[in-house]
Amino acid sequence: MPIQSLKEARSLGLIDARAETDLAPICSQFSMLVSDHWAKMMDPHDPKDPLRLQMMPDLREMENLPGDSKDPIGDRAHEPVPRLIHRYPDRALLLVTDRCPSLCRFCFRKQSPLHGEEPPFDLEAISAYIAAHREIREVILSGGDPLMLKNSQIDAIFSHLEGLGHVERFRIHTRMPITLPERVDEGFCSLIRRKKPVYIALHIDHPKELSPETLRAIDDLARAGAVLVSQTVLLKGVNADLETLTALCHRLAALRVRPYYLHHPDRALGTAHFRVSIAQGLRLYRALRRRVTPLELPIYVLDLPGGYGKVPLDTPAVCEQSPGHWRLESPLGGVFDYVDPVWEG
């Protein structure tokens, strides 16, 4: 059974009675949910277990820094139709659900609604908008986790949009093969076998997440013809060290998953304790580049607050003006000053 309350976490030995009391205010603000698959993999005897750190509530979630936000990457500034984000000219992102099988404590959408009726998703209006914007070549399904939808619902989205000639490919952002791998069934794999390519971006943060069940799910997706890439969030205490990132990149490439993005932590409320400084991240990334081949090296990016897009950090688009003060060039145009809230580290 999934873990949905502090009481259930205590029954599994993941927290004690005092922590159950102390953490209650946090769970009233940021909901708690851990899939049964993930719950079985967590080590109740290791408080530094990387799987526990990603999913279990922490008292530090009440600590926010100036600039932390409910919408740290500025989605709402680029939402011409409800549930559709059109930030970059050539691609559009559909927020097809707010639900996930597990709630990561560092999620930049950790305050999204998770229960009750989903917000409206008007596929006709979305399709009309995409049809009118022929510069859109890629449609991305995101959320929440798109695999929370039924196969028939995902098929309906594909079928509705693949007739638009200028749409060349689909992409799905999902953590389901890791958090609940049994969801990757034959019905879903059959949806991947389409005329237009389907890319699947897997959110994987640590080698320990690659359970036998997840390996089976990844292999099934690869055999179905999906182009597999990965997204990893750089997390203090979880993977912000050279050995862990090196092992993860090697392992992913061996599984036919191309490391794609290494995300600098977003400035979402309740996530400050996961962050490293940009300077720390760059030192780590440059060391990683000396350890792995180009095929195994993700792009280290920061999502600019306000909706101005992802900036590759190890490029001339980024310059440190003084300790902790950075000048970042947006891929959408313009140059922005960024004050690193944890630059002292």
Protein backbone atom coordinates (compact mmCIF):
# COMPACT_ATOMS: atom_id res chain seq x y z
CA MET A 1 0.00 0.00 0.00
CA PRO A 2 1.21 3.58 -0.64
CA ILE A 3 2.19 5.77 2.29
CA GLN A 4 -0.32 8.61 2.56
CA SER A 5 0.12 9.77 6.14
CA LEU A 6 2.69 10.24 8.86
CA LYS A 7 0.94 7.54 10.88
CA GLU A 8 1.58 5.03 8.10
CA ALA A 9 5.20 6.16 7.84
CA ARG A 10 5.62 5.61 11.59
CA SER A 11 4.12 2.13 11.35
CA LEU A 12 6.84 1.25 8.84
CA GLY A 13 9.60 2.57 11.10
CA LEU A 14 10.43 5.51 8.83
CA ILE A 15 9.75 8.12 11.55
CA ASP A 16 9.16 8.01 15.29
CA ALA A 17 6.25 9.33 17.36
CA ARG A 18 7.90 12.69 18.01
CA ALA A 19 8.59 13.24 14.33
CA GLU A 20 4.97 12.39 13.54
CA THR A 21 3.88 15.26 15.77
CA ASP A 22 6.56 17.71 14.62
CA LEU A 23 5.98 17.05 10.90
CA ALA A 24 2.19 17.42 10.99
CA PRO A 25 2.22 21.18 10.11
CA ILE A 26 4.44 20.48 7.10
CA CYS A 27 2.13 17.77 5.75
CA SER A 28 -0.83 20.11 6.15
CA GLN A 29 0.91 22.48 3.72
CA PHE A 30 2.69 20.01 1.44
CA SER A 31 0.86 16.72 0.94
CA MET A 32 2.60 13.41 1.49
CA LEU A 33 2.34 10.41 -0.84
CA VAL A 34 4.81 7.58 -1.50
CA SER A 35 3.96 4.78 -3.93
CA ASP A 36 4.00 1.23 -2.58
CA HIS A 37 6.92 0.35 -4.90
CA TRP A 38 9.03 3.24 -3.64
CA ALA A 39 8.02 2.57 -0.03
CA LYS A 40 9.37 -0.98 -0.28
CA MET A 41 12.73 0.30 -1.52
CA MET A 42 13.32 2.83 1.28
CA ASP A 43 15.68 1.79 4.07
CA PRO A 44 14.04 2.40 7.47
CA HIS A 45 17.41 1.98 9.18
CA ASP A 46 19.24 4.68 7.21
CA PRO A 47 18.07 8.27 7.74
CA LYS A 48 20.37 9.33 4.88
CA ASP A 49 18.87 6.85 2.43
CA PRO A 50 18.56 8.83 -0.86
CA LEU A 51 15.09 7.40 -1.47
CA ARG A 52 13.85 8.49 1.96
CA LEU A 53 15.32 11.96 1.58
CA GLN A 54 13.42 12.52 -1.65
CA MET A 55 9.99 11.48 -0.35
CA MET A 56 9.78 11.84 3.42
CA PRO A 57 8.73 15.19 4.95
CA ASP A 58 11.45 17.24 6.60
CA LEU A 59 11.23 20.02 9.18
CA ARG A 60 13.42 22.15 6.92
CA GLU A 61 10.54 22.45 4.46
CA MET A 62 9.28 25.35 6.59
CA GLU A 63 12.45 27.32 5.78
CA ASN A 64 12.01 29.59 2.77
CA LEU A 65 14.45 32.08 1.30
CA PRO A 66 13.75 35.42 -0.43
CA GLY A 67 12.71 34.74 -3.99
CA ASP A 68 11.16 31.32 -3.31
CA SER A 69 7.84 30.97 -5.09
CA LYS A 70 4.77 28.81 -5.73
CA ASP A 71 5.53 29.15 -9.47
CA PRO A 72 9.35 29.30 -9.60
CA ILE A 73 9.73 28.77 -13.35
CA GLY A 74 6.90 31.10 -14.40
CA ASP A 75 4.56 28.66 -16.12
CA ARG A 76 1.53 30.92 -15.75
CA ALA A 77 3.17 33.70 -17.76
CA HIS A 78 3.12 31.42 -20.82
CA GLU A 79 -0.33 29.78 -20.62
CA PRO A 80 -2.38 30.99 -23.62
CA VAL A 81 -4.90 28.18 -23.12
CA PRO A 82 -5.60 26.54 -19.74
CA ARG A 83 -3.21 23.62 -19.16
CA LEU A 84 -1.02 24.51 -22.18
CA ILE A 85 2.38 26.19 -21.69
CA HIS A 86 3.96 27.77 -24.78
CA ARG A 87 7.30 29.15 -23.57
CA TYR A 88 9.62 28.16 -26.42
CA PRO A 89 8.51 28.89 -30.01
CA ASP A 90 8.96 25.36 -31.39
CA ARG A 91 7.36 23.29 -28.60
CA ALA A 92 4.33 23.29 -26.33
CA LEU A 93 3.83 21.57 -22.99
CA LEU A 94 0.49 20.13 -21.87
CA LEU A 95 -0.21 19.80 -18.14
CA VAL A 96 -2.47 16.80 -18.59
CA THR A 97 -2.85 16.05 -14.87
CA ASP A 98 -1.83 17.36 -11.45
CA ARG A 99 -1.52 13.89 -9.93
CA CYS A 100 1.56 11.73 -9.31
CA PRO A 101 2.00 8.27 -7.74
CA SER A 102 4.58 9.78 -5.35
CA LEU A 103 5.15 13.37 -4.27
CA CYS A 104 8.81 14.39 -4.39
CA ARG A 105 9.63 16.83 -1.59
CA PHE A 106 11.72 19.00 -3.96
CA CYS A 107 9.10 19.28 -6.72
CA PHE A 108 8.71 22.73 -8.26
CA ARG A 109 4.96 22.05 -8.48
CA LYS A 110 4.67 20.65 -4.95
CA GLN A 111 1.69 22.88 -4.17
CA SER A 112 -0.43 21.69 -7.11
CA PRO A 113 -3.86 20.31 -6.19
CA LEU A 114 -3.70 16.56 -5.72
CA HIS A 115 -7.16 15.45 -4.77
CA GLY A 116 -10.69 16.02 -5.94
CA GLU A 117 -11.67 17.09 -9.43
CA GLU A 118 -8.89 17.83 -11.89
CA PRO A 119 -8.78 21.30 -13.50
CA PRO A 120 -10.40 21.38 -16.95
CA PHE A 121 -8.41 20.04 -19.87
CA ASP A 122 -9.98 21.27 -23.10
CA LEU A 123 -8.35 19.19 -25.82
CA GLU A 124 -10.32 20.96 -28.56
CA ALA A 125 -9.06 24.40 -27.50
CA ILE A 126 -5.51 23.11 -27.11
CA SER A 127 -5.61 21.45 -30.53
CA ALA A 128 -6.95 24.65 -32.12
CA TYR A 129 -4.15 26.69 -30.59
CA ILE A 130 -1.45 24.27 -31.76
CA ALA A 131 -3.01 24.11 -35.23
CA ALA A 132 -2.82 27.91 -35.43
CA HIS A 133 0.85 27.97 -34.40
CA ARG A 134 2.70 26.06 -37.07
CA GLU A 135 6.04 26.82 -35.44
CA ILE A 136 5.22 24.16 -32.82
CA ARG A 137 7.08 21.01 -33.86
CA GLU A 138 6.97 19.10 -30.56
CA VAL A 139 4.17 18.47 -28.06
CA ILE A 140 5.18 17.50 -24.51
CA LEU A 141 2.90 15.73 -22.06
CA SER A 142 3.69 16.69 -18.48
CA GLY A 143 1.90 17.31 -15.20
CA GLY A 144 1.88 15.80 -12.54
CA ASP A 145 2.74 12.52 -14.20
CA PRO A 146 1.04 11.87 -17.56
CA LEU A 147 1.00 8.12 -16.89
CA MET A 148 -1.61 8.76 -14.21
CA LEU A 149 -3.97 8.93 -17.19
CA LYS A 150 -5.48 5.79 -18.65
CA ASN A 151 -3.96 4.46 -21.85
CA SER A 152 -7.15 5.42 -23.68
CA GLN A 153 -6.80 9.03 -22.50
CA ILE A 154 -3.19 9.25 -23.65
CA ASP A 155 -4.16 7.69 -26.98
CA ALA A 156 -6.91 10.29 -27.39
CA ILE A 157 -4.39 13.11 -26.95
CA PHE A 158 -1.99 11.57 -29.46
CA SER A 159 -4.75 10.87 -31.96
CA HIS A 160 -6.10 14.39 -31.66
CA LEU A 161 -2.76 16.04 -32.36
CA GLU A 162 -0.81 13.72 -34.64
CA GLY A 163 -2.92 14.73 -37.61
CA LEU A 164 -1.39 18.21 -37.45
CA GLY A 165 1.31 18.05 -40.08
CA HIS A 166 3.70 20.46 -38.39
CA VAL A 167 3.80 18.40 -35.17
CA GLU A 168 6.80 16.15 -35.73
CA ARG A 169 7.08 14.31 -32.43
CA PHE A 170 5.69 13.81 -28.94
CA ARG A 171 7.49 13.79 -25.62
CA ILE A 172 6.32 12.43 -22.27
CA HIS A 173 7.84 13.57 -18.98
CA THR A 174 7.31 10.82 -16.43
CA ARG A 175 8.65 9.28 -13.24
CA MET A 176 6.17 6.41 -13.32
CA PRO A 177 8.64 3.75 -14.56
CA ILE A 178 10.64 4.49 -11.41
CA THR A 179 7.94 5.15 -8.81
CA LEU A 180 5.34 2.63 -10.03
CA PRO A 181 6.93 0.55 -12.81
CA GLU A 182 4.01 -1.87 -13.21
CA ARG A 183 2.14 1.00 -14.88
CA VAL A 184 4.31 0.44 -17.98
CA ASP A 185 2.10 -2.27 -19.44
CA GLU A 186 1.68 -3.66 -22.94
CA GLY A 187 -1.17 -1.25 -23.59
CA PHE A 188 1.04 1.75 -22.93
CA CYS A 189 3.94 0.30 -24.92
CA SER A 190 1.62 -0.15 -27.89
CA LEU A 191 0.91 3.59 -27.81
CA ILE A 192 4.60 4.25 -28.42
CA ARG A 193 4.58 2.35 -31.71
CA ARG A 194 3.35 5.27 -33.79
CA LYS A 195 4.41 6.89 -37.05
CA LYS A 196 5.64 9.97 -35.25
CA PRO A 197 8.50 9.53 -32.77
CA VAL A 198 7.70 9.42 -29.05
CA TYR A 199 10.43 10.58 -26.71
CA ILE A 200 10.16 9.66 -23.03
CA ALA A 201 12.05 11.75 -20.47
CA LEU A 202 12.52 9.68 -17.32
CA HIS A 203 13.05 11.50 -14.03
CA ILE A 204 15.82 9.57 -12.26
CA ASP A 205 17.94 11.07 -9.47
CA HIS A 206 19.96 8.19 -7.99
CA PRO A 207 21.25 4.76 -9.09
CA LYS A 208 19.32 3.13 -6.22
CA GLU A 209 16.09 4.01 -8.05
CA LEU A 210 16.96 1.47 -10.77
CA SER A 211 15.17 -1.51 -9.26
CA PRO A 212 14.67 -4.77 -11.20
CA GLU A 213 11.08 -3.73 -11.90
CA THR A 214 12.24 -0.35 -13.23
CA LEU A 215 14.86 -2.04 -15.41
CA ARG A 216 12.09 -4.17 -16.91
CA ALA A 217 9.94 -1.10 -17.58
CA ILE A 218 12.80 0.78 -19.22
CA ASP A 219 13.65 -2.22 -21.41
CA ASP A 220 10.01 -2.57 -22.47
CA LEU A 221 9.87 1.10 -23.47
CA ALA A 222 13.09 0.83 -25.44
CA ARG A 223 11.87 -2.29 -27.24
CA ALA A 224 8.62 -0.48 -28.07
CA GLY A 225 10.63 2.13 -29.95
CA ALA A 226 10.60 5.03 -27.48
CA VAL A 227 13.57 7.36 -27.57
CA LEU A 228 14.63 7.44 -23.92
CA VAL A 229 16.31 10.38 -22.21
CA SER A 230 16.68 11.26 -18.54
CA GLN A 231 16.18 14.27 -16.31
CA THR A 232 17.98 14.51 -12.98
CA VAL A 233 17.62 17.18 -10.30
CA LEU A 234 20.83 18.08 -8.50
CA LEU A 235 19.95 17.52 -4.84
CA LYS A 236 22.08 18.21 -1.79
CA GLY A 237 22.41 15.05 0.29
CA VAL A 238 21.01 12.84 -2.47
CA ASN A 239 23.21 13.02 -5.56
CA ALA A 240 25.34 16.20 -5.34
CA ASP A 241 28.60 14.28 -5.36
CA LEU A 242 30.83 13.08 -8.16
CA GLU A 243 30.65 9.36 -7.46
CA THR A 244 26.85 9.24 -7.45
CA LEU A 245 26.42 11.30 -10.63
CA THR A 246 29.12 9.33 -12.44
CA ALA A 247 27.52 6.01 -11.52
CA LEU A 248 24.10 7.28 -12.58
CA CYS A 249 25.28 8.53 -15.98
CA HIS A 250 27.16 5.30 -16.70
CA ARG A 251 24.18 3.17 -15.71
CA LEU A 252 21.63 5.15 -17.71
CA ALA A 253 23.67 4.99 -20.89
CA ALA A 254 24.03 1.23 -20.46
CA LEU A 255 20.23 1.01 -20.30
CA ARG A 256 19.82 2.94 -23.57
CA VAL A 257 18.76 6.09 -21.72
CA ARG A 258 20.57 9.25 -22.88
CA PRO A 259 21.30 11.61 -19.95
CA TYR A 260 19.60 14.83 -21.05
CA TYR A 261 19.19 17.43 -18.29
CA LEU A 262 20.83 17.94 -14.92
CA HIS A 263 18.56 20.53 -13.30
CA HIS A 264 19.84 23.07 -10.82
CA PRO A 265 17.22 23.10 -8.03
CA ASP A 266 14.29 25.44 -8.63
CA ARG A 267 13.34 28.04 -6.06
CA ALA A 268 10.07 26.41 -5.02
CA LEU A 269 8.67 26.93 -1.55
CA GLY A 270 9.81 24.33 0.96
CA THR A 271 12.82 23.12 -1.04
CA ALA A 272 15.72 25.30 0.17
CA HIS A 273 17.44 22.47 2.05
CA PHE A 274 17.99 20.54 -1.20
CA ARG A 275 19.92 23.32 -2.92
CA VAL A 276 23.58 23.68 -3.75
CA SER A 277 25.12 26.89 -5.01
CA ILE A 278 25.67 27.49 -8.72
CA ALA A 279 29.42 27.61 -8.07
CA GLN A 280 29.29 24.23 -6.33
CA GLY A 281 27.17 22.79 -9.11
CA LEU A 282 29.56 24.01 -11.79
CA ARG A 283 32.59 22.53 -10.02
CA LEU A 284 30.79 19.22 -9.76
CA TYR A 285 29.58 19.31 -13.38
CA ARG A 286 33.04 20.08 -14.75
CA ALA A 287 34.47 17.20 -12.76
CA LEU A 288 31.69 14.96 -14.11
CA ARG A 289 32.58 15.97 -17.67
CA ARG A 290 36.07 14.57 -17.09
CA ARG A 291 34.61 11.27 -15.88
CA VAL A 292 32.02 10.43 -18.53
CA THR A 293 31.82 10.35 -22.31
CA PRO A 294 29.89 13.04 -24.21
CA LEU A 295 27.03 10.56 -24.74
CA GLU A 296 26.74 10.17 -20.96
CA LEU A 297 26.94 13.88 -20.06
CA PRO A 298 23.67 15.74 -19.41
CA ILE A 299 23.24 19.49 -19.93
CA TYR A 300 23.42 21.38 -16.62
CA VAL A 301 20.60 23.94 -16.67
CA LEU A 302 18.88 26.50 -14.48
CA ASP A 303 15.27 27.55 -15.12
CA LEU A 304 15.16 31.32 -14.86
CA PRO A 305 12.51 32.64 -12.46
CA GLY A 306 9.65 34.43 -14.18
CA GLY A 307 9.37 32.07 -17.13
CA TYR A 308 12.42 33.13 -19.15
CA GLY A 309 13.57 29.61 -19.94
CA LYS A 310 16.39 27.18 -19.24
CA VAL A 311 19.95 28.50 -19.26
CA PRO A 312 22.84 26.04 -19.77
CA LEU A 313 25.10 26.97 -16.87
CA ASP A 314 28.46 25.83 -18.24
CA THR A 315 28.37 28.17 -21.25
CA PRO A 316 29.27 31.79 -22.11
CA ALA A 317 25.59 32.63 -21.44
CA VAL A 318 26.48 32.61 -17.73
CA CYS A 319 28.92 34.92 -15.97
CA GLU A 320 29.58 35.42 -12.26
CA GLN A 321 29.79 39.18 -11.65
CA SER A 322 30.78 38.81 -8.00
CA PRO A 323 30.45 36.01 -5.44
CA GLY A 324 26.85 34.77 -5.63
CA HIS A 325 25.78 37.35 -8.25
CA TRP A 326 25.34 35.98 -11.75
CA ARG A 327 24.47 37.43 -15.15
CA LEU A 328 22.38 34.94 -17.17
CA GLU A 329 21.39 35.20 -20.82
CA SER A 330 17.91 33.86 -21.51
CA PRO A 331 17.39 31.57 -24.53
CA LEU A 332 14.26 33.63 -25.17
CA GLY A 333 16.23 36.88 -25.31
CA GLY A 334 17.39 39.31 -22.67
CA VAL A 335 19.98 39.25 -19.90
CA PHE A 336 19.05 38.82 -16.24
CA ASP A 337 20.74 39.24 -12.89
CA TYR A 338 20.42 36.26 -10.58
CA VAL A 339 21.34 36.30 -6.90
CA ASP A 340 22.18 32.79 -5.73
CA PRO A 341 20.45 32.22 -2.37
CA VAL A 342 23.06 29.64 -1.29
CA TRP A 343 26.22 31.07 -2.85
CA GLU A 344 28.13 30.95 0.43
CA GLY A 345 28.39 27.15 0.20
